[in-house]
Amino acid sequence: MSMTLYGSNTSPYVRKVIVTGHELGIADQIRLAPVSHDPVHPDAELNQRNPLGKIPTLVTAAGIALFDSRVICEYLDSIAGGGLLPKQGDARWAVLVRLSLADGILDAAVLTRYEQAVRPESLRWPEWIDSQMEKVRRALAMLAADEAFSANRRDLGTIATACALGYLDFRYADENWRDAHPRLADWYADFQARPSMRASAPE
């Protein structure tokens, strides 16, 4: 079985899918098809697969296009026999909330990146940028209080969190999130040493 993943290795959403594939032992079934992720000029081939023009988009062996990253990760978990997302009960909702917080960090950080790097300087909105980064900080505080990050837990929520923290290091090194959240920093130091994280590190 072979799947095609449209994306860029600098996208934290794409990284989340790649890490998930490695953790499930099916990374060798996923071929990365590099595409531009310019939000203003999306890739033409990508648009044919995903009308939203967003990455990641996964084309399954059956030719079905799946998006966004949450859908793709859950699909990969299902075909690999599960293990990263509990099927029911409180444990499932805890993982999904953790996943939502991590994705929210990425949403705010990526939008801020576009505002600062893509939008013409005369049109930038400093107050909006500040509000997005405050979302990041509030979400980090909630994650830091989560007992999941005092143990070696491996699920879609912790994978997404690791990719979000990696993106902050990649694009917002001056944020110094570790100073405010030392326990989360210790957890991340261990998690980022996993082969899945090393294999997917952005260039």
N, C-alpha and C. Protein backbone atom coordinates (compact mmCIF):
# COMPACT_ATOMS: atom_id res chain seq x y z
N MET A 1 0.85 -1.19 0.00
CA MET A 1 0.00 0.00 0.00
C MET A 1 0.88 1.24 0.00
N SER A 2 0.58 2.18 -0.88
CA SER A 2 1.35 3.41 -0.95
C SER A 2 0.41 4.61 -0.91
N MET A 3 0.82 5.63 -0.13
CA MET A 3 0.03 6.85 0.02
C MET A 3 0.91 8.04 -0.33
N THR A 4 0.29 9.07 -0.85
CA THR A 4 1.03 10.29 -1.21
C THR A 4 0.61 11.42 -0.29
N LEU A 5 1.59 12.05 0.33
CA LEU A 5 1.35 13.16 1.24
C LEU A 5 1.84 14.44 0.59
N TYR A 6 0.92 15.32 0.25
CA TYR A 6 1.29 16.62 -0.31
C TYR A 6 1.63 17.55 0.85
N GLY A 7 2.83 18.14 0.78
CA GLY A 7 3.20 19.02 1.87
C GLY A 7 4.61 19.54 1.76
N SER A 8 5.05 20.16 2.84
CA SER A 8 6.39 20.73 2.95
C SER A 8 6.97 20.29 4.28
N ASN A 9 8.27 20.03 4.31
CA ASN A 9 8.86 19.56 5.56
C ASN A 9 9.04 20.67 6.59
N THR A 10 8.71 21.90 6.23
CA THR A 10 8.73 22.98 7.22
C THR A 10 7.36 23.22 7.84
N SER A 11 6.33 22.54 7.33
CA SER A 11 4.98 22.70 7.88
C SER A 11 4.83 21.84 9.13
N PRO A 12 4.43 22.43 10.26
CA PRO A 12 4.25 21.62 11.47
C PRO A 12 3.08 20.66 11.35
N TYR A 13 2.08 20.99 10.53
CA TYR A 13 0.95 20.09 10.32
C TYR A 13 1.40 18.85 9.54
N VAL A 14 2.24 19.07 8.54
CA VAL A 14 2.80 17.94 7.79
C VAL A 14 3.68 17.11 8.70
N ARG A 15 4.47 17.77 9.52
CA ARG A 15 5.34 17.04 10.44
C ARG A 15 4.52 16.15 11.37
N LYS A 16 3.39 16.64 11.82
CA LYS A 16 2.53 15.85 12.70
C LYS A 16 2.12 14.54 12.03
N VAL A 17 1.78 14.61 10.74
CA VAL A 17 1.40 13.41 9.99
C VAL A 17 2.60 12.46 9.85
N ILE A 18 3.76 13.02 9.54
CA ILE A 18 4.95 12.19 9.36
C ILE A 18 5.35 11.51 10.66
N VAL A 19 5.31 12.24 11.76
CA VAL A 19 5.62 11.65 13.06
C VAL A 19 4.63 10.54 13.38
N THR A 20 3.36 10.78 13.12
CA THR A 20 2.34 9.76 13.36
C THR A 20 2.63 8.51 12.55
N GLY A 21 2.99 8.69 11.28
CA GLY A 21 3.33 7.54 10.45
C GLY A 21 4.49 6.74 11.01
N HIS A 22 5.52 7.44 11.49
CA HIS A 22 6.67 6.75 12.09
C HIS A 22 6.27 6.02 13.36
N GLU A 23 5.50 6.68 14.20
CA GLU A 23 5.12 6.07 15.48
C GLU A 23 4.25 4.83 15.26
N LEU A 24 3.51 4.80 14.17
CA LEU A 24 2.65 3.66 13.86
C LEU A 24 3.36 2.58 13.04
N GLY A 25 4.59 2.87 12.62
CA GLY A 25 5.35 1.90 11.86
C GLY A 25 4.95 1.80 10.40
N ILE A 26 4.33 2.86 9.86
CA ILE A 26 3.89 2.82 8.46
C ILE A 26 4.46 3.98 7.65
N ALA A 27 5.51 4.60 8.15
CA ALA A 27 6.09 5.76 7.45
C ALA A 27 6.58 5.38 6.06
N ASP A 28 7.02 4.12 5.90
CA ASP A 28 7.54 3.70 4.59
C ASP A 28 6.45 3.56 3.54
N GLN A 29 5.18 3.67 3.97
CA GLN A 29 4.07 3.60 3.03
C GLN A 29 3.62 4.99 2.58
N ILE A 30 4.27 6.02 3.09
CA ILE A 30 3.87 7.41 2.81
C ILE A 30 4.97 8.10 2.01
N ARG A 31 4.62 8.56 0.82
CA ARG A 31 5.57 9.29 -0.02
C ARG A 31 5.25 10.78 0.05
N LEU A 32 6.25 11.58 0.41
CA LEU A 32 6.05 13.02 0.48
C LEU A 32 6.18 13.64 -0.90
N ALA A 33 5.16 14.34 -1.34
CA ALA A 33 5.18 15.07 -2.60
C ALA A 33 5.30 16.55 -2.27
N PRO A 34 6.51 17.13 -2.38
CA PRO A 34 6.71 18.53 -1.97
C PRO A 34 5.88 19.49 -2.81
N VAL A 35 5.21 20.42 -2.14
CA VAL A 35 4.45 21.46 -2.82
C VAL A 35 4.70 22.78 -2.12
N SER A 36 4.48 23.87 -2.84
CA SER A 36 4.57 25.19 -2.24
C SER A 36 3.42 25.37 -1.26
N HIS A 37 3.72 25.99 -0.10
CA HIS A 37 2.63 26.25 0.84
C HIS A 37 2.43 27.76 1.02
N ASP A 38 2.65 28.49 -0.05
CA ASP A 38 2.34 29.93 -0.07
C ASP A 38 0.82 30.09 -0.02
N PRO A 39 0.28 30.75 1.01
CA PRO A 39 -1.17 30.84 1.15
C PRO A 39 -1.83 31.67 0.06
N VAL A 40 -1.05 32.50 -0.61
CA VAL A 40 -1.62 33.36 -1.65
C VAL A 40 -1.57 32.68 -3.01
N HIS A 41 -0.57 31.84 -3.23
CA HIS A 41 -0.41 31.17 -4.52
C HIS A 41 -0.28 29.66 -4.30
N PRO A 42 -1.37 28.99 -3.96
CA PRO A 42 -1.30 27.55 -3.69
C PRO A 42 -0.97 26.75 -4.94
N ASP A 43 -0.47 25.55 -4.71
CA ASP A 43 -0.04 24.67 -5.79
C ASP A 43 -1.24 24.20 -6.61
N ALA A 44 -1.11 24.23 -7.94
CA ALA A 44 -2.22 23.87 -8.82
C ALA A 44 -2.62 22.41 -8.66
N GLU A 45 -1.63 21.52 -8.57
CA GLU A 45 -1.95 20.09 -8.41
C GLU A 45 -2.63 19.85 -7.07
N LEU A 46 -2.15 20.54 -6.03
CA LEU A 46 -2.77 20.41 -4.72
C LEU A 46 -4.23 20.86 -4.77
N ASN A 47 -4.52 21.94 -5.47
CA ASN A 47 -5.90 22.43 -5.57
C ASN A 47 -6.82 21.39 -6.17
N GLN A 48 -6.30 20.56 -7.07
CA GLN A 48 -7.12 19.52 -7.68
C GLN A 48 -7.47 18.44 -6.66
N ARG A 49 -6.57 18.19 -5.73
CA ARG A 49 -6.81 17.18 -4.70
C ARG A 49 -7.62 17.74 -3.53
N ASN A 50 -7.32 18.98 -3.19
CA ASN A 50 -7.95 19.62 -2.03
C ASN A 50 -8.37 21.03 -2.45
N PRO A 51 -9.66 21.29 -2.62
CA PRO A 51 -10.10 22.60 -3.09
C PRO A 51 -9.71 23.75 -2.17
N LEU A 52 -9.36 23.44 -0.92
CA LEU A 52 -8.92 24.48 0.00
C LEU A 52 -7.47 24.87 -0.25
N GLY A 53 -6.75 24.06 -1.03
CA GLY A 53 -5.36 24.36 -1.33
C GLY A 53 -4.45 24.33 -0.13
N LYS A 54 -4.76 23.47 0.85
CA LYS A 54 -4.01 23.45 2.10
C LYS A 54 -3.22 22.15 2.25
N ILE A 55 -2.11 22.27 2.97
CA ILE A 55 -1.32 21.10 3.33
C ILE A 55 -1.45 20.87 4.83
N PRO A 56 -1.37 19.57 5.20
CA PRO A 56 -1.16 18.39 4.37
C PRO A 56 -2.45 17.89 3.74
N THR A 57 -2.29 17.23 2.61
CA THR A 57 -3.35 16.47 1.97
C THR A 57 -2.78 15.09 1.67
N LEU A 58 -3.51 14.06 2.08
CA LEU A 58 -3.06 12.69 1.87
C LEU A 58 -3.95 12.02 0.84
N VAL A 59 -3.34 11.42 -0.17
CA VAL A 59 -4.08 10.61 -1.14
C VAL A 59 -3.82 9.16 -0.79
N THR A 60 -4.88 8.44 -0.45
CA THR A 60 -4.74 7.06 -0.02
C THR A 60 -4.43 6.14 -1.19
N ALA A 61 -4.13 4.89 -0.89
CA ALA A 61 -3.86 3.90 -1.93
C ALA A 61 -5.06 3.73 -2.85
N ALA A 62 -6.25 4.01 -2.33
CA ALA A 62 -7.47 3.90 -3.13
C ALA A 62 -7.76 5.17 -3.92
N GLY A 63 -6.90 6.19 -3.79
CA GLY A 63 -7.07 7.42 -4.53
C GLY A 63 -7.98 8.44 -3.87
N ILE A 64 -8.31 8.23 -2.61
CA ILE A 64 -9.17 9.16 -1.87
C ILE A 64 -8.31 10.24 -1.21
N ALA A 65 -8.68 11.50 -1.39
CA ALA A 65 -7.94 12.61 -0.78
C ALA A 65 -8.50 12.91 0.60
N LEU A 66 -7.61 12.96 1.60
CA LEU A 66 -8.01 13.24 2.97
C LEU A 66 -7.32 14.51 3.45
N PHE A 67 -8.04 15.32 4.19
CA PHE A 67 -7.50 16.54 4.80
C PHE A 67 -8.47 16.94 5.90
N ASP A 68 -8.02 17.63 6.96
CA ASP A 68 -6.72 18.18 7.23
C ASP A 68 -5.86 17.22 8.05
N SER A 69 -4.86 17.73 8.79
CA SER A 69 -3.92 16.86 9.47
C SER A 69 -4.59 15.98 10.52
N ARG A 70 -5.61 16.48 11.21
CA ARG A 70 -6.29 15.68 12.23
C ARG A 70 -6.97 14.49 11.61
N VAL A 71 -7.64 14.72 10.48
CA VAL A 71 -8.32 13.63 9.78
C VAL A 71 -7.30 12.61 9.30
N ILE A 72 -6.19 13.10 8.74
CA ILE A 72 -5.16 12.20 8.22
C ILE A 72 -4.56 11.36 9.34
N CYS A 73 -4.25 11.98 10.47
CA CYS A 73 -3.65 11.24 11.58
C CYS A 73 -4.61 10.18 12.12
N GLU A 74 -5.87 10.51 12.21
CA GLU A 74 -6.84 9.52 12.68
C GLU A 74 -6.98 8.38 11.67
N TYR A 75 -6.91 8.71 10.38
CA TYR A 75 -6.96 7.68 9.34
C TYR A 75 -5.76 6.75 9.47
N LEU A 76 -4.57 7.31 9.62
CA LEU A 76 -3.38 6.48 9.75
C LEU A 76 -3.47 5.58 10.97
N ASP A 77 -3.98 6.12 12.08
CA ASP A 77 -4.15 5.33 13.29
C ASP A 77 -5.10 4.16 13.04
N SER A 78 -6.15 4.42 12.26
CA SER A 78 -7.15 3.37 12.01
C SER A 78 -6.59 2.25 11.14
N ILE A 79 -5.82 2.59 10.11
CA ILE A 79 -5.32 1.54 9.22
C ILE A 79 -4.16 0.78 9.83
N ALA A 80 -3.52 1.38 10.84
CA ALA A 80 -2.40 0.71 11.50
C ALA A 80 -2.84 -0.10 12.71
N GLY A 81 -4.13 -0.11 12.97
CA GLY A 81 -4.64 -0.92 14.08
C GLY A 81 -4.87 -0.16 15.36
N GLY A 82 -4.75 1.15 15.32
CA GLY A 82 -5.02 1.96 16.51
C GLY A 82 -3.86 2.02 17.47
N GLY A 83 -4.08 2.73 18.54
CA GLY A 83 -3.06 2.85 19.58
C GLY A 83 -2.75 4.28 19.96
N LEU A 84 -3.01 5.23 19.05
CA LEU A 84 -2.70 6.64 19.34
C LEU A 84 -3.93 7.47 19.69
N LEU A 85 -5.11 6.88 19.54
CA LEU A 85 -6.34 7.58 19.90
C LEU A 85 -7.31 6.57 20.51
N PRO A 86 -7.57 6.69 21.82
CA PRO A 86 -8.52 5.76 22.45
C PRO A 86 -9.87 5.79 21.73
N LYS A 87 -10.52 4.67 21.69
CA LYS A 87 -11.77 4.56 20.93
C LYS A 87 -12.95 5.18 21.65
N GLN A 88 -12.90 5.26 22.97
CA GLN A 88 -14.05 5.78 23.70
C GLN A 88 -13.63 6.21 25.10
N GLY A 89 -14.61 6.81 25.80
CA GLY A 89 -14.41 7.16 27.20
C GLY A 89 -13.64 8.46 27.42
N ASP A 90 -13.38 8.74 28.69
CA ASP A 90 -12.70 9.98 29.06
C ASP A 90 -11.31 10.09 28.46
N ALA A 91 -10.64 8.96 28.30
CA ALA A 91 -9.29 8.99 27.74
C ALA A 91 -9.31 9.53 26.31
N ARG A 92 -10.34 9.19 25.54
CA ARG A 92 -10.45 9.70 24.16
C ARG A 92 -10.60 11.21 24.16
N TRP A 93 -11.48 11.72 25.01
CA TRP A 93 -11.73 13.17 25.01
C TRP A 93 -10.51 13.92 25.51
N ALA A 94 -9.77 13.34 26.45
CA ALA A 94 -8.55 13.99 26.93
C ALA A 94 -7.53 14.13 25.81
N VAL A 95 -7.38 13.09 25.00
CA VAL A 95 -6.44 13.15 23.88
C VAL A 95 -6.90 14.18 22.86
N LEU A 96 -8.20 14.21 22.57
CA LEU A 96 -8.72 15.13 21.57
C LEU A 96 -8.60 16.59 22.02
N VAL A 97 -8.81 16.84 23.31
CA VAL A 97 -8.65 18.21 23.82
C VAL A 97 -7.19 18.62 23.75
N ARG A 98 -6.29 17.70 24.11
CA ARG A 98 -4.86 17.96 24.01
C ARG A 98 -4.49 18.27 22.56
N LEU A 99 -5.06 17.51 21.65
CA LEU A 99 -4.82 17.73 20.22
C LEU A 99 -5.35 19.09 19.79
N SER A 100 -6.52 19.47 20.27
CA SER A 100 -7.09 20.78 19.92
C SER A 100 -6.23 21.93 20.42
N LEU A 101 -5.71 21.80 21.63
CA LEU A 101 -4.84 22.84 22.17
C LEU A 101 -3.57 22.98 21.33
N ALA A 102 -2.95 21.85 21.00
CA ALA A 102 -1.73 21.90 20.20
C ALA A 102 -2.00 22.48 18.82
N ASP A 103 -3.11 22.06 18.20
CA ASP A 103 -3.45 22.60 16.88
C ASP A 103 -3.77 24.09 16.98
N GLY A 104 -4.38 24.50 18.08
CA GLY A 104 -4.66 25.91 18.27
C GLY A 104 -3.39 26.75 18.38
N ILE A 105 -2.38 26.19 19.04
CA ILE A 105 -1.08 26.85 19.10
C ILE A 105 -0.52 27.02 17.68
N LEU A 106 -0.59 25.95 16.90
CA LEU A 106 -0.09 26.02 15.53
C LEU A 106 -0.89 27.01 14.69
N ASP A 107 -2.20 26.98 14.81
CA ASP A 107 -3.02 27.91 14.02
C ASP A 107 -2.62 29.35 14.30
N ALA A 108 -2.50 29.69 15.58
CA ALA A 108 -2.16 31.07 15.95
C ALA A 108 -0.73 31.42 15.52
N ALA A 109 0.20 30.49 15.71
CA ALA A 109 1.60 30.76 15.38
C ALA A 109 1.80 30.86 13.87
N VAL A 110 1.14 29.99 13.10
CA VAL A 110 1.29 30.03 11.65
C VAL A 110 0.65 31.30 11.08
N LEU A 111 -0.52 31.67 11.58
CA LEU A 111 -1.15 32.90 11.12
C LEU A 111 -0.28 34.11 11.43
N THR A 112 0.33 34.10 12.60
CA THR A 112 1.24 35.20 12.94
C THR A 112 2.45 35.21 12.02
N ARG A 113 2.95 34.05 11.70
CA ARG A 113 4.08 33.94 10.76
C ARG A 113 3.71 34.54 9.41
N TYR A 114 2.52 34.21 8.90
CA TYR A 114 2.07 34.78 7.63
C TYR A 114 1.93 36.30 7.73
N GLU A 115 1.40 36.77 8.85
CA GLU A 115 1.21 38.20 9.03
C GLU A 115 2.55 38.94 9.00
N GLN A 116 3.56 38.34 9.61
CA GLN A 116 4.85 39.00 9.72
C GLN A 116 5.74 38.80 8.51
N ALA A 117 5.59 37.67 7.82
CA ALA A 117 6.53 37.35 6.74
C ALA A 117 5.94 37.52 5.34
N VAL A 118 4.61 37.49 5.23
CA VAL A 118 3.98 37.52 3.91
C VAL A 118 3.23 38.82 3.66
N ARG A 119 2.47 39.26 4.66
CA ARG A 119 1.68 40.47 4.47
C ARG A 119 2.58 41.70 4.36
N PRO A 120 2.31 42.60 3.43
CA PRO A 120 3.11 43.84 3.33
C PRO A 120 3.16 44.56 4.67
N GLU A 121 4.31 45.10 5.00
CA GLU A 121 4.52 45.69 6.32
C GLU A 121 3.50 46.78 6.63
N SER A 122 3.12 47.56 5.64
CA SER A 122 2.18 48.66 5.88
C SER A 122 0.79 48.18 6.26
N LEU A 123 0.49 46.91 5.98
CA LEU A 123 -0.85 46.36 6.25
C LEU A 123 -0.88 45.48 7.50
N ARG A 124 0.24 45.33 8.18
CA ARG A 124 0.28 44.45 9.35
C ARG A 124 -0.45 45.08 10.53
N TRP A 125 -0.99 44.22 11.39
CA TRP A 125 -1.82 44.65 12.51
C TRP A 125 -1.18 44.16 13.81
N PRO A 126 -0.38 44.99 14.47
CA PRO A 126 0.36 44.55 15.66
C PRO A 126 -0.53 44.01 16.77
N GLU A 127 -1.68 44.63 17.00
CA GLU A 127 -2.58 44.17 18.07
C GLU A 127 -3.10 42.76 17.78
N TRP A 128 -3.36 42.48 16.50
CA TRP A 128 -3.83 41.15 16.12
C TRP A 128 -2.72 40.12 16.35
N ILE A 129 -1.49 40.49 15.99
CA ILE A 129 -0.35 39.60 16.22
C ILE A 129 -0.22 39.29 17.71
N ASP A 130 -0.33 40.32 18.54
CA ASP A 130 -0.22 40.13 19.98
C ASP A 130 -1.31 39.20 20.50
N SER A 131 -2.53 39.35 19.97
CA SER A 131 -3.64 38.51 20.44
C SER A 131 -3.42 37.05 20.06
N GLN A 132 -2.84 36.81 18.89
CA GLN A 132 -2.55 35.43 18.48
C GLN A 132 -1.49 34.81 19.38
N MET A 133 -0.46 35.54 19.69
CA MET A 133 0.60 35.00 20.54
C MET A 133 0.14 34.81 21.98
N GLU A 134 -0.84 35.60 22.41
CA GLU A 134 -1.42 35.37 23.74
C GLU A 134 -2.18 34.05 23.76
N LYS A 135 -2.83 33.69 22.66
CA LYS A 135 -3.48 32.38 22.57
C LYS A 135 -2.44 31.28 22.75
N VAL A 136 -1.31 31.45 22.10
CA VAL A 136 -0.23 30.46 22.22
C VAL A 136 0.17 30.31 23.68
N ARG A 137 0.37 31.41 24.37
CA ARG A 137 0.85 31.36 25.75
C ARG A 137 -0.19 30.74 26.69
N ARG A 138 -1.47 31.08 26.48
CA ARG A 138 -2.52 30.50 27.33
C ARG A 138 -2.63 28.99 27.10
N ALA A 139 -2.54 28.58 25.85
CA ALA A 139 -2.62 27.15 25.55
C ALA A 139 -1.43 26.40 26.12
N LEU A 140 -0.25 26.99 26.04
CA LEU A 140 0.93 26.36 26.63
C LEU A 140 0.76 26.18 28.13
N ALA A 141 0.17 27.16 28.79
CA ALA A 141 -0.03 27.06 30.24
C ALA A 141 -0.96 25.91 30.58
N MET A 142 -2.00 25.71 29.77
CA MET A 142 -2.93 24.61 30.04
C MET A 142 -2.26 23.27 29.78
N LEU A 143 -1.49 23.18 28.71
CA LEU A 143 -0.78 21.94 28.42
C LEU A 143 0.24 21.63 29.52
N ALA A 144 0.90 22.65 30.00
CA ALA A 144 1.93 22.45 31.03
C ALA A 144 1.34 21.90 32.32
N ALA A 145 0.05 22.16 32.56
CA ALA A 145 -0.61 21.66 33.77
C ALA A 145 -1.17 20.25 33.58
N ASP A 146 -1.10 19.72 32.36
CA ASP A 146 -1.65 18.41 32.03
C ASP A 146 -0.70 17.32 32.53
N GLU A 147 -1.22 16.39 33.32
CA GLU A 147 -0.39 15.32 33.88
C GLU A 147 0.17 14.40 32.81
N ALA A 148 -0.39 14.45 31.61
CA ALA A 148 0.14 13.62 30.52
C ALA A 148 1.59 13.94 30.24
N PHE A 149 2.00 15.16 30.56
CA PHE A 149 3.36 15.59 30.24
C PHE A 149 4.33 15.38 31.41
N SER A 150 3.90 14.57 32.37
CA SER A 150 4.81 14.14 33.43
C SER A 150 5.16 12.67 33.24
N ALA A 151 4.67 12.10 32.12
CA ALA A 151 4.91 10.68 31.84
C ALA A 151 5.30 10.53 30.37
N ASN A 152 5.76 9.34 30.04
CA ASN A 152 6.16 9.06 28.66
C ASN A 152 4.95 8.60 27.86
N ARG A 153 3.99 9.50 27.71
CA ARG A 153 2.74 9.17 27.01
C ARG A 153 2.91 9.42 25.51
N ARG A 154 2.33 8.54 24.71
CA ARG A 154 2.44 8.65 23.25
C ARG A 154 1.04 8.50 22.67
N ASP A 155 0.48 9.61 22.21
CA ASP A 155 -0.84 9.59 21.57
C ASP A 155 -0.91 10.76 20.60
N LEU A 156 -2.03 10.91 19.90
CA LEU A 156 -2.11 11.99 18.92
C LEU A 156 -2.01 13.36 19.57
N GLY A 157 -2.43 13.47 20.81
CA GLY A 157 -2.32 14.75 21.51
C GLY A 157 -0.89 15.11 21.85
N THR A 158 -0.12 14.16 22.33
CA THR A 158 1.27 14.47 22.67
C THR A 158 2.11 14.65 21.41
N ILE A 159 1.79 13.89 20.36
CA ILE A 159 2.50 14.09 19.09
C ILE A 159 2.26 15.50 18.57
N ALA A 160 1.00 15.94 18.58
CA ALA A 160 0.68 17.28 18.10
C ALA A 160 1.37 18.34 18.96
N THR A 161 1.41 18.11 20.27
CA THR A 161 2.07 19.06 21.17
C THR A 161 3.56 19.15 20.87
N ALA A 162 4.20 18.02 20.65
CA ALA A 162 5.63 18.03 20.33
C ALA A 162 5.89 18.79 19.03
N CYS A 163 5.02 18.61 18.05
CA CYS A 163 5.21 19.32 16.78
C CYS A 163 4.95 20.81 16.95
N ALA A 164 4.02 21.18 17.82
CA ALA A 164 3.77 22.59 18.08
C ALA A 164 4.97 23.23 18.78
N LEU A 165 5.53 22.55 19.75
CA LEU A 165 6.70 23.08 20.45
C LEU A 165 7.90 23.17 19.50
N GLY A 166 8.02 22.18 18.64
CA GLY A 166 9.09 22.23 17.64
C GLY A 166 8.94 23.41 16.70
N TYR A 167 7.70 23.74 16.36
CA TYR A 167 7.48 24.88 15.47
C TYR A 167 7.82 26.19 16.19
N LEU A 168 7.48 26.28 17.46
CA LEU A 168 7.85 27.48 18.22
C LEU A 168 9.37 27.64 18.25
N ASP A 169 10.09 26.55 18.43
CA ASP A 169 11.55 26.63 18.40
C ASP A 169 12.05 27.06 17.02
N PHE A 170 11.39 26.57 15.98
CA PHE A 170 11.82 26.81 14.60
C PHE A 170 11.56 28.25 14.17
N ARG A 171 10.41 28.78 14.52
CA ARG A 171 10.02 30.11 14.04
C ARG A 171 9.99 31.19 15.12
N TYR A 172 9.93 30.82 16.38
CA TYR A 172 9.77 31.80 17.47
C TYR A 172 10.75 31.49 18.60
N ALA A 173 12.00 31.38 18.26
CA ALA A 173 13.01 31.03 19.27
C ALA A 173 13.06 32.04 20.41
N ASP A 174 12.70 33.28 20.12
CA ASP A 174 12.76 34.31 21.16
C ASP A 174 11.57 34.26 22.11
N GLU A 175 10.64 33.33 21.89
CA GLU A 175 9.48 33.22 22.78
C GLU A 175 9.88 32.66 24.14
N ASN A 176 10.94 31.85 24.20
CA ASN A 176 11.47 31.31 25.47
C ASN A 176 10.40 30.61 26.31
N TRP A 177 9.60 29.77 25.67
CA TRP A 177 8.52 29.09 26.38
C TRP A 177 9.03 28.17 27.48
N ARG A 178 10.26 27.68 27.36
CA ARG A 178 10.79 26.76 28.36
C ARG A 178 10.93 27.42 29.73
N ASP A 179 11.25 28.70 29.75
CA ASP A 179 11.43 29.39 31.03
C ASP A 179 10.14 29.37 31.85
N ALA A 180 9.02 29.51 31.19
CA ALA A 180 7.73 29.55 31.89
C ALA A 180 7.21 28.15 32.22
N HIS A 181 7.67 27.14 31.49
CA HIS A 181 7.10 25.79 31.63
C HIS A 181 8.19 24.73 31.68
N PRO A 182 8.96 24.68 32.75
CA PRO A 182 10.10 23.76 32.81
C PRO A 182 9.71 22.29 32.73
N ARG A 183 8.58 21.90 33.32
CA ARG A 183 8.19 20.49 33.23
C ARG A 183 7.86 20.10 31.80
N LEU A 184 7.16 20.97 31.10
CA LEU A 184 6.85 20.71 29.70
C LEU A 184 8.15 20.66 28.88
N ALA A 185 9.09 21.52 29.24
CA ALA A 185 10.38 21.53 28.55
C ALA A 185 11.12 20.21 28.75
N ASP A 186 11.08 19.68 29.98
CA ASP A 186 11.73 18.40 30.25
C ASP A 186 11.08 17.28 29.44
N TRP A 187 9.75 17.29 29.40
CA TRP A 187 9.05 16.27 28.62
C TRP A 187 9.43 16.37 27.15
N TYR A 188 9.48 17.59 26.63
CA TYR A 188 9.78 17.77 25.22
C TYR A 188 11.22 17.35 24.90
N ALA A 189 12.12 17.59 25.81
CA ALA A 189 13.51 17.19 25.58
C ALA A 189 13.60 15.69 25.34
N ASP A 190 12.82 14.92 26.09
CA ASP A 190 12.79 13.47 25.89
C ASP A 190 12.07 13.10 24.60
N PHE A 191 10.93 13.73 24.35
CA PHE A 191 10.11 13.34 23.19
C PHE A 191 10.80 13.69 21.88
N GLN A 192 11.47 14.82 21.84
CA GLN A 192 12.09 15.23 20.57
C GLN A 192 13.28 14.35 20.20
N ALA A 193 13.73 13.52 21.13
CA ALA A 193 14.81 12.58 20.83
C ALA A 193 14.30 11.29 20.17
N ARG A 194 12.99 11.14 20.07
CA ARG A 194 12.44 9.94 19.45
C ARG A 194 12.82 9.91 17.96
N PRO A 195 13.03 8.73 17.41
CA PRO A 195 13.38 8.65 15.97
C PRO A 195 12.38 9.33 15.07
N SER A 196 11.09 9.30 15.42
CA SER A 196 10.07 9.93 14.59
C SER A 196 10.27 11.44 14.52
N MET A 197 10.67 12.05 15.61
CA MET A 197 10.90 13.49 15.64
C MET A 197 12.19 13.85 14.92
N ARG A 198 13.22 13.04 15.10
CA ARG A 198 14.48 13.34 14.42
C ARG A 198 14.33 13.20 12.90
N ALA A 199 13.54 12.22 12.47
CA ALA A 199 13.36 11.99 11.04
C ALA A 199 12.54 13.06 10.37
N SER A 200 11.78 13.83 11.14
CA SER A 200 10.86 14.82 10.58
C SER A 200 11.25 16.26 10.87
N ALA A 201 12.42 16.48 11.47
CA ALA A 201 12.82 17.83 11.85
C ALA A 201 12.89 18.75 10.63
N PRO A 202 12.32 19.95 10.74
CA PRO A 202 12.35 20.88 9.59
C PRO A 202 13.76 21.36 9.29
N GLU A 203 14.00 21.63 8.03
CA GLU A 203 15.32 22.10 7.61
C GLU A 203 15.34 23.63 7.57
